[in-house]
Amino acid sequence: MENGKTAGYTTGQILKFVIPSLIGALAFIMPIPDKGTFNTALGLLIDWGKGDLKAYLPTAAMTAVVLSAAASLFAVLARPRSIMENTFLRELLCVSPFWLASRVLGAVLTVFLLPPFAWYSCM
């Protein structure tokens, strides 16, 4: 794209863009008949998930929040070599004091404010 020239794309590069784009567009906008009404593929997937996974979602959310806080606290305080040498983990877990406090506060509030049924829904 220097000096007014446009970049040429190969057929493979174009297909790598077009195929996933079409799949995504169809998931969001293609109507599918379902029980006398119309829904999208993504809507059907969400409805299925809400029905079958409803009992597990509070526990899964609580687990994710608590693990995130614990892992960040460990990474910031202990600074283990395995995390410090891995760019992805370092950027994910070694956060500023504000975000560390936010994660820890979120974990504490989640554990103490989540209804007890969520604690036992997976047991």
Protein backbone atom coordinates (compact mmCIF):
# COMPACT_ATOMS: atom_id res chain seq x y z
CA MET A 1 0.00 0.00 0.00
CA GLU A 2 2.98 2.27 -0.30
CA ASN A 3 3.15 4.86 -3.07
CA GLY A 4 -0.54 4.47 -3.94
CA LYS A 5 -0.28 0.74 -4.74
CA THR A 6 -2.96 -1.61 -3.48
CA ALA A 7 -2.12 -4.96 -1.95
CA GLY A 8 -3.19 -8.03 -3.87
CA TYR A 9 -4.79 -10.93 -2.05
CA THR A 10 -4.63 -14.57 -2.99
CA THR A 11 -7.75 -16.68 -3.40
CA GLY A 12 -6.85 -18.53 -0.20
CA GLN A 13 -6.64 -15.30 1.80
CA ILE A 14 -9.98 -14.12 0.45
CA LEU A 15 -11.62 -17.45 1.31
CA LYS A 16 -10.15 -17.34 4.83
CA PHE A 17 -12.04 -14.10 5.29
CA VAL A 18 -15.24 -14.82 3.38
CA ILE A 19 -16.10 -18.30 4.70
CA PRO A 20 -16.01 -17.49 8.45
CA SER A 21 -17.77 -14.19 7.74
CA LEU A 22 -20.62 -15.99 5.98
CA ILE A 23 -20.91 -18.55 8.77
CA GLY A 24 -21.09 -15.77 11.36
CA ALA A 25 -23.63 -13.80 9.36
CA LEU A 26 -25.83 -16.87 8.92
CA ALA A 27 -25.67 -17.63 12.65
CA PHE A 28 -26.99 -14.14 13.42
CA ILE A 29 -29.49 -13.43 10.64
CA MET A 30 -30.73 -16.63 8.97
CA PRO A 31 -34.21 -17.43 10.34
CA ILE A 32 -34.88 -21.02 11.35
CA PRO A 33 -38.43 -22.24 12.02
CA ASP A 34 -38.80 -23.50 15.58
CA LYS A 35 -42.07 -24.54 17.27
CA GLY A 36 -44.27 -22.25 15.18
CA THR A 37 -41.93 -19.25 15.39
CA PHE A 38 -38.65 -18.19 13.85
CA ASN A 39 -35.31 -18.01 15.59
CA THR A 40 -31.65 -17.78 14.59
CA ALA A 41 -29.09 -20.54 15.03
CA LEU A 42 -27.44 -18.52 17.76
CA GLY A 43 -30.80 -17.97 19.46
CA LEU A 44 -31.50 -21.71 19.42
CA LEU A 45 -28.08 -22.39 20.93
CA ILE A 46 -28.69 -19.82 23.67
CA ASP A 47 -32.14 -21.24 24.45
CA TRP A 48 -30.69 -24.74 24.70
CA GLY A 49 -27.90 -23.51 26.97
CA LYS A 50 -30.28 -21.63 29.24
CA GLY A 51 -32.45 -24.69 29.63
CA ASP A 52 -29.83 -27.39 30.12
CA LEU A 53 -27.07 -25.41 31.80
CA LYS A 54 -29.17 -23.14 34.03
CA ALA A 55 -28.37 -25.05 37.22
CA TYR A 56 -24.62 -24.88 36.59
CA LEU A 57 -24.20 -21.26 35.48
CA PRO A 58 -24.03 -19.57 38.93
CA THR A 59 -21.41 -22.03 40.14
CA ALA A 60 -19.41 -21.72 36.92
CA ALA A 61 -19.45 -17.91 37.16
CA MET A 62 -18.44 -17.96 40.82
CA THR A 63 -15.62 -20.40 40.08
CA ALA A 64 -14.30 -18.26 37.22
CA VAL A 65 -14.32 -15.07 39.32
CA VAL A 66 -12.64 -16.71 42.32
CA LEU A 67 -10.00 -18.49 40.20
CA SER A 68 -9.23 -15.26 38.36
CA ALA A 69 -8.74 -13.37 41.61
CA ALA A 70 -6.66 -16.14 43.18
CA ALA A 71 -4.44 -16.53 40.12
CA SER A 72 -3.90 -12.77 39.84
CA LEU A 73 -3.11 -12.48 43.54
CA PHE A 74 -0.62 -15.34 43.27
CA ALA A 75 1.00 -13.90 40.13
CA VAL A 76 1.37 -10.41 41.58
CA LEU A 77 2.66 -11.49 44.99
CA ALA A 78 4.79 -14.56 44.16
CA ARG A 79 5.84 -13.57 40.61
CA PRO A 80 6.63 -17.17 39.59
CA ARG A 81 9.04 -17.63 36.70
CA SER A 82 6.56 -19.72 34.68
CA ILE A 83 4.10 -16.80 34.59
CA MET A 84 6.70 -14.06 34.18
CA GLU A 85 8.28 -15.76 31.15
CA ASN A 86 4.94 -16.41 29.41
CA THR A 87 3.77 -13.17 27.77
CA PHE A 88 0.12 -14.22 27.63
CA LEU A 89 -0.09 -15.26 31.30
CA ARG A 90 1.92 -12.26 32.48
CA GLU A 91 -0.39 -9.80 30.70
CA LEU A 92 -3.47 -11.71 31.87
CA LEU A 93 -2.57 -12.12 35.53
CA CYS A 94 -0.08 -9.38 36.47
CA VAL A 95 -2.42 -6.42 36.71
CA SER A 96 -2.27 -3.01 38.33
CA PRO A 97 -3.18 -2.66 42.01
CA PHE A 98 -6.58 -1.21 41.06
CA TRP A 99 -7.52 -4.20 38.91
CA LEU A 100 -6.13 -6.66 41.44
CA ALA A 101 -8.27 -5.06 44.15
CA SER A 102 -11.27 -5.18 41.81
CA ARG A 103 -10.78 -8.89 41.14
CA VAL A 104 -10.34 -9.72 44.81
CA LEU A 105 -13.34 -7.60 45.83
CA GLY A 106 -15.41 -9.23 43.08
CA ALA A 107 -14.44 -12.68 44.32
CA VAL A 108 -15.28 -11.82 47.93
CA LEU A 109 -18.65 -10.33 46.98
CA THR A 110 -19.43 -13.25 44.70
CA VAL A 111 -18.74 -15.82 47.41
CA PHE A 112 -20.65 -13.99 50.13
CA LEU A 113 -23.56 -12.60 48.12
CA LEU A 114 -24.31 -15.52 45.80
CA PRO A 115 -27.28 -17.52 47.07
CA PRO A 116 -26.31 -20.80 48.76
CA PHE A 117 -28.12 -22.91 46.14
CA ALA A 118 -25.45 -21.86 43.62
CA TRP A 119 -22.75 -23.38 45.81
CA TYR A 120 -24.37 -26.79 45.70
CA SER A 121 -25.91 -26.83 42.23
CA CYS A 122 -23.05 -28.91 40.81
CA MET A 123 -22.69 -31.27 43.75
